[in-house]
């Protein structure tokens, strides 16, 4: 479904801003957790996965900004799936660096609020496909 309304609501613009800010925080967290990430069994594979995941989330944000309904639904599904390992991950991050864990919590809040904005009015209305107008 594509958005056919000309003007993006402020709520959607704010949601997109929050999602981009969350990506920026993700990049900022890498140096804080570099030692842990580099110690993974396959660092080359791990870094490839990090780059691909970040690129995919950037694509989703671009598509959300352009009104693609599938993108907001995909983002929601991935956000919900990410809740499963959230507590063990936060516990591990707190053990390594409280700042790292706090940044993760901030990311979670930003992403959750962005999702709220695109799934409630006026955001949800903007993503709904408009029926074609027939002329007599």
N, C-alpha and C. Protein backbone atom coordinates (compact mmCIF):
# COMPACT_ATOMS: atom_id res chain seq x y z
N UNK A 1 0.84 -1.18 0.00
CA UNK A 1 0.00 0.00 0.00
C UNK A 1 0.88 1.23 0.00
N UNK A 2 0.51 2.16 -0.80
CA UNK A 2 1.28 3.38 -0.89
C UNK A 2 0.47 4.55 -0.40
N UNK A 3 1.15 5.50 0.17
CA UNK A 3 0.49 6.71 0.62
C UNK A 3 0.28 7.61 -0.59
N UNK A 4 -0.91 8.17 -0.69
CA UNK A 4 -1.19 9.07 -1.79
C UNK A 4 -1.59 10.44 -1.30
N UNK A 5 -1.45 10.70 0.00
CA UNK A 5 -1.72 12.02 0.53
C UNK A 5 -0.51 12.88 0.29
N UNK A 6 -0.72 14.15 -0.07
CA UNK A 6 0.41 15.00 -0.41
C UNK A 6 1.28 15.41 0.77
N UNK A 7 0.71 15.63 1.93
CA UNK A 7 1.50 16.17 3.03
C UNK A 7 1.64 15.16 4.16
N UNK A 8 2.88 14.97 4.57
CA UNK A 8 3.18 14.05 5.67
C UNK A 8 2.80 14.71 6.99
N UNK A 9 2.06 14.02 7.86
CA UNK A 9 1.71 14.58 9.17
C UNK A 9 2.98 14.79 10.02
N UNK A 10 2.89 15.76 10.91
CA UNK A 10 4.02 16.03 11.81
C UNK A 10 4.40 14.81 12.64
N UNK A 11 3.40 14.03 13.03
CA UNK A 11 3.65 12.83 13.83
C UNK A 11 4.55 11.85 13.07
N UNK A 12 4.31 11.70 11.77
CA UNK A 12 5.13 10.79 10.96
C UNK A 12 6.52 11.38 10.78
N UNK A 13 6.61 12.68 10.55
CA UNK A 13 7.93 13.32 10.43
C UNK A 13 8.73 13.14 11.72
N UNK A 14 8.08 13.29 12.87
CA UNK A 14 8.75 13.10 14.15
C UNK A 14 9.18 11.63 14.30
N UNK A 15 8.32 10.71 13.92
CA UNK A 15 8.65 9.29 14.00
C UNK A 15 9.89 8.97 13.17
N UNK A 16 9.95 9.50 11.97
CA UNK A 16 11.09 9.27 11.09
C UNK A 16 12.35 9.87 11.71
N UNK A 17 12.23 11.06 12.27
CA UNK A 17 13.37 11.69 12.94
C UNK A 17 13.86 10.81 14.10
N UNK A 18 12.94 10.30 14.90
CA UNK A 18 13.30 9.44 16.02
C UNK A 18 13.99 8.16 15.55
N UNK A 19 13.51 7.59 14.45
CA UNK A 19 14.12 6.37 13.93
C UNK A 19 15.54 6.64 13.42
N UNK A 20 15.74 7.79 12.75
CA UNK A 20 17.10 8.14 12.30
C UNK A 20 18.00 8.40 13.50
N UNK A 21 17.49 9.05 14.52
CA UNK A 21 18.27 9.31 15.73
C UNK A 21 18.65 7.99 16.41
N UNK A 22 17.74 7.02 16.37
CA UNK A 22 18.02 5.71 16.94
C UNK A 22 19.15 5.01 16.19
N UNK A 23 19.15 5.14 14.87
CA UNK A 23 20.25 4.59 14.05
C UNK A 23 21.56 5.26 14.44
N UNK A 24 21.53 6.58 14.62
CA UNK A 24 22.74 7.32 15.00
C UNK A 24 23.27 6.82 16.35
N UNK A 25 22.36 6.58 17.28
CA UNK A 25 22.78 6.06 18.58
C UNK A 25 23.40 4.67 18.41
N UNK A 26 22.82 3.88 17.52
CA UNK A 26 23.38 2.55 17.24
C UNK A 26 24.82 2.64 16.76
N UNK A 27 25.09 3.59 15.86
CA UNK A 27 26.46 3.78 15.39
C UNK A 27 27.36 4.29 16.52
N UNK A 28 26.82 5.14 17.38
CA UNK A 28 27.61 5.68 18.49
C UNK A 28 27.94 4.60 19.52
N UNK A 29 27.09 3.57 19.61
CA UNK A 29 27.33 2.50 20.57
C UNK A 29 28.45 1.56 20.13
N UNK A 30 28.75 1.50 18.85
CA UNK A 30 29.76 0.56 18.35
C UNK A 30 31.11 0.76 19.03
N UNK A 31 31.65 1.99 19.11
CA UNK A 31 32.95 2.13 19.79
C UNK A 31 32.88 1.76 21.28
N UNK A 32 31.73 1.98 21.91
CA UNK A 32 31.59 1.63 23.32
C UNK A 32 31.63 0.13 23.55
N UNK A 33 31.23 -0.63 22.55
CA UNK A 33 31.14 -2.08 22.67
C UNK A 33 32.11 -2.79 21.72
N UNK A 34 33.09 -2.04 21.21
CA UNK A 34 33.99 -2.58 20.19
C UNK A 34 34.74 -3.82 20.67
N UNK A 35 35.25 -3.79 21.88
CA UNK A 35 36.01 -4.92 22.40
C UNK A 35 35.15 -6.19 22.44
N UNK A 36 33.91 -6.05 22.91
CA UNK A 36 33.00 -7.19 22.97
C UNK A 36 32.67 -7.69 21.57
N UNK A 37 32.34 -6.77 20.67
CA UNK A 37 31.97 -7.16 19.31
C UNK A 37 33.13 -7.81 18.56
N UNK A 38 34.33 -7.30 18.78
CA UNK A 38 35.52 -7.85 18.11
C UNK A 38 35.91 -9.22 18.64
N UNK A 39 35.46 -9.55 19.84
CA UNK A 39 35.81 -10.83 20.45
C UNK A 39 34.86 -11.95 20.03
N UNK A 40 33.89 -11.64 19.19
CA UNK A 40 32.95 -12.67 18.73
C UNK A 40 33.72 -13.74 17.96
N UNK A 41 33.18 -14.98 17.93
CA UNK A 41 33.89 -16.07 17.25
C UNK A 41 34.24 -15.79 15.79
N UNK A 42 33.35 -15.14 15.05
CA UNK A 42 33.62 -14.80 13.65
C UNK A 42 33.45 -13.30 13.46
N UNK A 43 34.48 -12.51 13.80
CA UNK A 43 34.32 -11.05 13.72
C UNK A 43 33.96 -10.55 12.32
N UNK A 44 34.52 -11.17 11.30
CA UNK A 44 34.20 -10.76 9.92
C UNK A 44 32.74 -10.94 9.61
N UNK A 45 32.20 -12.08 9.99
CA UNK A 45 30.78 -12.36 9.77
C UNK A 45 29.93 -11.41 10.61
N UNK A 46 30.33 -11.20 11.86
CA UNK A 46 29.58 -10.32 12.75
C UNK A 46 29.51 -8.90 12.18
N UNK A 47 30.63 -8.37 11.71
CA UNK A 47 30.63 -7.01 11.15
C UNK A 47 29.80 -6.94 9.89
N UNK A 48 29.82 -8.00 9.08
CA UNK A 48 28.99 -8.03 7.87
C UNK A 48 27.52 -7.99 8.24
N UNK A 49 27.15 -8.75 9.26
CA UNK A 49 25.75 -8.76 9.73
C UNK A 49 25.36 -7.39 10.26
N UNK A 50 26.24 -6.75 11.03
CA UNK A 50 25.96 -5.41 11.57
C UNK A 50 25.69 -4.44 10.42
N UNK A 51 26.54 -4.46 9.41
CA UNK A 51 26.38 -3.54 8.27
C UNK A 51 25.08 -3.83 7.53
N UNK A 52 24.79 -5.09 7.28
CA UNK A 52 23.56 -5.44 6.56
C UNK A 52 22.31 -5.07 7.35
N UNK A 53 22.33 -5.32 8.64
CA UNK A 53 21.17 -4.98 9.47
C UNK A 53 20.95 -3.47 9.50
N UNK A 54 22.03 -2.72 9.69
CA UNK A 54 21.92 -1.25 9.70
C UNK A 54 21.40 -0.74 8.35
N UNK A 55 21.91 -1.30 7.26
CA UNK A 55 21.46 -0.89 5.93
C UNK A 55 19.98 -1.21 5.73
N UNK A 56 19.55 -2.38 6.20
CA UNK A 56 18.14 -2.76 6.06
C UNK A 56 17.25 -1.82 6.86
N UNK A 57 17.66 -1.48 8.09
CA UNK A 57 16.86 -0.57 8.89
C UNK A 57 16.84 0.83 8.28
N UNK A 58 17.93 1.25 7.65
CA UNK A 58 17.95 2.55 6.94
C UNK A 58 16.95 2.51 5.79
N UNK A 59 16.92 1.41 5.05
CA UNK A 59 15.94 1.27 3.96
C UNK A 59 14.52 1.34 4.50
N UNK A 60 14.25 0.65 5.60
CA UNK A 60 12.91 0.70 6.19
C UNK A 60 12.53 2.13 6.58
N UNK A 61 13.45 2.87 7.15
CA UNK A 61 13.15 4.24 7.55
C UNK A 61 12.85 5.11 6.33
N UNK A 62 13.62 4.94 5.28
CA UNK A 62 13.36 5.69 4.04
C UNK A 62 11.97 5.36 3.50
N UNK A 63 11.62 4.09 3.53
CA UNK A 63 10.30 3.67 3.02
C UNK A 63 9.17 4.13 3.94
N UNK A 64 9.40 4.14 5.24
CA UNK A 64 8.40 4.67 6.16
C UNK A 64 8.19 6.15 5.87
N UNK A 65 9.28 6.87 5.66
CA UNK A 65 9.20 8.31 5.37
C UNK A 65 8.43 8.58 4.08
N UNK A 66 8.46 7.63 3.14
CA UNK A 66 7.74 7.84 1.89
C UNK A 66 6.32 7.26 1.92
N UNK A 67 5.91 6.75 3.07
CA UNK A 67 4.52 6.33 3.22
C UNK A 67 4.24 4.89 2.88
N UNK A 68 5.24 4.05 2.84
CA UNK A 68 5.03 2.63 2.52
C UNK A 68 4.51 1.89 3.75
N UNK A 69 3.30 1.40 3.64
CA UNK A 69 2.66 0.72 4.76
C UNK A 69 3.42 -0.55 5.15
N UNK A 70 3.92 -1.30 4.17
CA UNK A 70 4.64 -2.53 4.46
C UNK A 70 5.87 -2.26 5.32
N UNK A 71 6.48 -1.09 5.15
CA UNK A 71 7.70 -0.76 5.89
C UNK A 71 7.39 -0.56 7.38
N UNK A 72 6.29 0.12 7.67
CA UNK A 72 5.97 0.34 9.08
C UNK A 72 5.56 -0.97 9.75
N UNK A 73 4.88 -1.84 9.01
CA UNK A 73 4.49 -3.14 9.55
C UNK A 73 5.72 -4.01 9.77
N UNK A 74 6.64 -4.00 8.81
CA UNK A 74 7.89 -4.76 8.95
C UNK A 74 8.69 -4.25 10.14
N UNK A 75 8.77 -2.93 10.28
CA UNK A 75 9.52 -2.36 11.41
C UNK A 75 8.89 -2.79 12.73
N UNK A 76 7.57 -2.75 12.81
CA UNK A 76 6.87 -3.19 14.02
C UNK A 76 7.18 -4.65 14.33
N UNK A 77 7.10 -5.51 13.32
CA UNK A 77 7.36 -6.94 13.53
C UNK A 77 8.79 -7.16 14.03
N UNK A 78 9.75 -6.47 13.44
CA UNK A 78 11.15 -6.62 13.88
C UNK A 78 11.36 -6.05 15.28
N UNK A 79 10.67 -4.96 15.59
CA UNK A 79 10.75 -4.38 16.93
C UNK A 79 10.23 -5.38 17.97
N UNK A 80 9.08 -5.99 17.67
CA UNK A 80 8.49 -6.96 18.60
C UNK A 80 9.39 -8.19 18.75
N UNK A 81 9.98 -8.65 17.65
CA UNK A 81 10.91 -9.78 17.73
C UNK A 81 12.14 -9.41 18.57
N UNK A 82 12.54 -8.17 18.48
CA UNK A 82 13.70 -7.70 19.25
C UNK A 82 13.44 -7.63 20.74
N UNK A 83 12.18 -7.64 21.13
CA UNK A 83 11.85 -7.63 22.56
C UNK A 83 12.23 -8.94 23.24
N UNK A 84 12.25 -10.02 22.47
CA UNK A 84 12.54 -11.34 23.04
C UNK A 84 13.91 -11.36 23.71
N UNK A 85 14.98 -10.94 23.02
CA UNK A 85 16.30 -10.96 23.68
C UNK A 85 16.64 -9.67 24.42
N UNK A 86 15.70 -8.75 24.54
CA UNK A 86 16.01 -7.43 25.09
C UNK A 86 16.53 -7.47 26.53
N UNK A 87 15.87 -8.18 27.42
CA UNK A 87 16.30 -8.19 28.82
C UNK A 87 17.67 -8.83 29.02
N UNK A 88 17.92 -10.01 28.44
CA UNK A 88 19.27 -10.58 28.59
C UNK A 88 20.35 -9.69 27.96
N UNK A 89 20.04 -9.06 26.85
CA UNK A 89 21.00 -8.17 26.20
C UNK A 89 21.29 -6.97 27.08
N UNK A 90 20.24 -6.36 27.64
CA UNK A 90 20.44 -5.20 28.52
C UNK A 90 21.25 -5.57 29.76
N UNK A 91 20.97 -6.74 30.31
CA UNK A 91 21.72 -7.20 31.49
C UNK A 91 23.20 -7.33 31.15
N UNK A 92 23.48 -7.90 30.00
CA UNK A 92 24.87 -8.06 29.55
C UNK A 92 25.51 -6.70 29.29
N UNK A 93 24.77 -5.79 28.68
CA UNK A 93 25.31 -4.45 28.41
C UNK A 93 25.58 -3.69 29.70
N UNK A 94 24.69 -3.79 30.67
CA UNK A 94 24.93 -3.13 31.96
C UNK A 94 26.22 -3.64 32.61
N UNK A 95 26.47 -4.95 32.45
CA UNK A 95 27.69 -5.52 33.02
C UNK A 95 28.94 -4.98 32.33
N UNK A 96 28.84 -4.75 31.02
CA UNK A 96 30.00 -4.25 30.27
C UNK A 96 30.16 -2.75 30.41
N UNK A 97 29.03 -2.02 30.31
CA UNK A 97 29.07 -0.56 30.36
C UNK A 97 27.67 -0.02 30.61
N UNK A 98 27.44 0.62 31.76
CA UNK A 98 26.12 1.19 32.03
C UNK A 98 25.69 2.22 30.96
N UNK A 99 26.65 2.95 30.42
CA UNK A 99 26.32 3.94 29.38
C UNK A 99 25.76 3.22 28.15
N UNK A 100 26.36 2.10 27.79
CA UNK A 100 25.90 1.31 26.66
C UNK A 100 24.45 0.87 26.87
N UNK A 101 24.15 0.39 28.06
CA UNK A 101 22.80 -0.08 28.37
C UNK A 101 21.80 1.08 28.36
N UNK A 102 22.20 2.21 28.91
CA UNK A 102 21.31 3.38 28.92
C UNK A 102 21.01 3.83 27.50
N UNK A 103 22.02 3.82 26.64
CA UNK A 103 21.80 4.18 25.23
C UNK A 103 20.83 3.18 24.56
N UNK A 104 20.94 1.93 24.91
CA UNK A 104 20.02 0.92 24.37
C UNK A 104 18.59 1.17 24.83
N UNK A 105 18.44 1.56 26.09
CA UNK A 105 17.11 1.89 26.61
C UNK A 105 16.54 3.11 25.89
N UNK A 106 17.38 4.11 25.67
CA UNK A 106 16.95 5.31 24.94
C UNK A 106 16.52 4.93 23.52
N UNK A 107 17.30 4.06 22.86
CA UNK A 107 16.92 3.58 21.53
C UNK A 107 15.55 2.90 21.57
N UNK A 108 15.36 2.03 22.53
CA UNK A 108 14.10 1.30 22.66
C UNK A 108 12.93 2.27 22.81
N UNK A 109 13.09 3.26 23.66
CA UNK A 109 12.02 4.25 23.89
C UNK A 109 11.74 5.04 22.61
N UNK A 110 12.80 5.47 21.93
CA UNK A 110 12.63 6.24 20.69
C UNK A 110 11.91 5.41 19.63
N UNK A 111 12.34 4.16 19.46
CA UNK A 111 11.72 3.30 18.46
C UNK A 111 10.27 2.99 18.83
N UNK A 112 10.02 2.71 20.10
CA UNK A 112 8.66 2.42 20.54
C UNK A 112 7.72 3.59 20.32
N UNK A 113 8.21 4.80 20.63
CA UNK A 113 7.37 5.98 20.43
C UNK A 113 7.16 6.25 18.94
N UNK A 114 8.18 6.03 18.13
CA UNK A 114 8.03 6.21 16.68
C UNK A 114 6.98 5.25 16.13
N UNK A 115 7.02 4.02 16.59
CA UNK A 115 6.02 3.04 16.15
C UNK A 115 4.63 3.47 16.58
N UNK A 116 4.52 3.94 17.82
CA UNK A 116 3.24 4.46 18.31
C UNK A 116 2.73 5.56 17.37
N UNK A 117 3.60 6.48 16.98
CA UNK A 117 3.20 7.61 16.13
C UNK A 117 2.72 7.17 14.75
N UNK A 118 3.34 6.14 14.17
CA UNK A 118 2.92 5.74 12.83
C UNK A 118 1.74 4.77 12.83
N UNK A 119 1.38 4.26 14.01
CA UNK A 119 0.23 3.35 14.09
C UNK A 119 -0.99 3.98 14.77
N UNK A 120 -0.90 5.25 15.13
CA UNK A 120 -2.05 5.97 15.68
C UNK A 120 -2.32 7.18 14.80
N UNK A 121 -3.52 7.71 14.89
CA UNK A 121 -3.86 8.88 14.06
C UNK A 121 -3.05 10.09 14.51
N UNK A 122 -2.63 10.93 13.59
CA UNK A 122 -2.90 10.94 12.16
C UNK A 122 -1.96 10.06 11.34
N UNK A 123 -0.94 9.49 11.98
CA UNK A 123 0.03 8.68 11.24
C UNK A 123 -0.59 7.51 10.51
N UNK A 124 -1.44 6.74 11.20
CA UNK A 124 -2.01 5.55 10.56
C UNK A 124 -2.86 5.91 9.36
N UNK A 125 -3.56 7.03 9.42
CA UNK A 125 -4.40 7.47 8.31
C UNK A 125 -3.55 7.78 7.09
N UNK A 126 -2.40 8.38 7.31
CA UNK A 126 -1.51 8.76 6.21
C UNK A 126 -0.99 7.54 5.47
N UNK A 127 -0.84 6.41 6.17
CA UNK A 127 -0.32 5.20 5.54
C UNK A 127 -1.40 4.38 4.82
N UNK A 128 -2.66 4.68 5.06
CA UNK A 128 -3.73 3.91 4.43
C UNK A 128 -3.88 4.33 2.98
N UNK A 129 -4.07 3.33 2.15
CA UNK A 129 -4.21 3.58 0.71
C UNK A 129 -5.57 4.21 0.45
N UNK A 130 -5.56 5.24 -0.32
CA UNK A 130 -6.80 5.92 -0.68
C UNK A 130 -7.43 5.24 -1.89
N UNK A 131 -8.74 5.11 -1.84
CA UNK A 131 -9.46 4.53 -2.98
C UNK A 131 -9.43 5.53 -4.12
N UNK A 132 -9.27 5.03 -5.35
CA UNK A 132 -9.23 5.94 -6.50
C UNK A 132 -10.57 6.67 -6.63
N UNK A 133 -10.47 7.93 -6.95
CA UNK A 133 -11.66 8.76 -7.13
C UNK A 133 -12.12 8.60 -8.57
N UNK A 134 -13.39 8.19 -8.72
CA UNK A 134 -13.92 8.02 -10.07
C UNK A 134 -14.62 9.30 -10.51
N UNK A 135 -14.41 9.64 -11.74
CA UNK A 135 -15.05 10.84 -12.30
C UNK A 135 -16.18 10.42 -13.21
N UNK A 136 -17.30 11.18 -13.15
CA UNK A 136 -18.46 10.79 -13.97
C UNK A 136 -18.26 11.01 -15.44
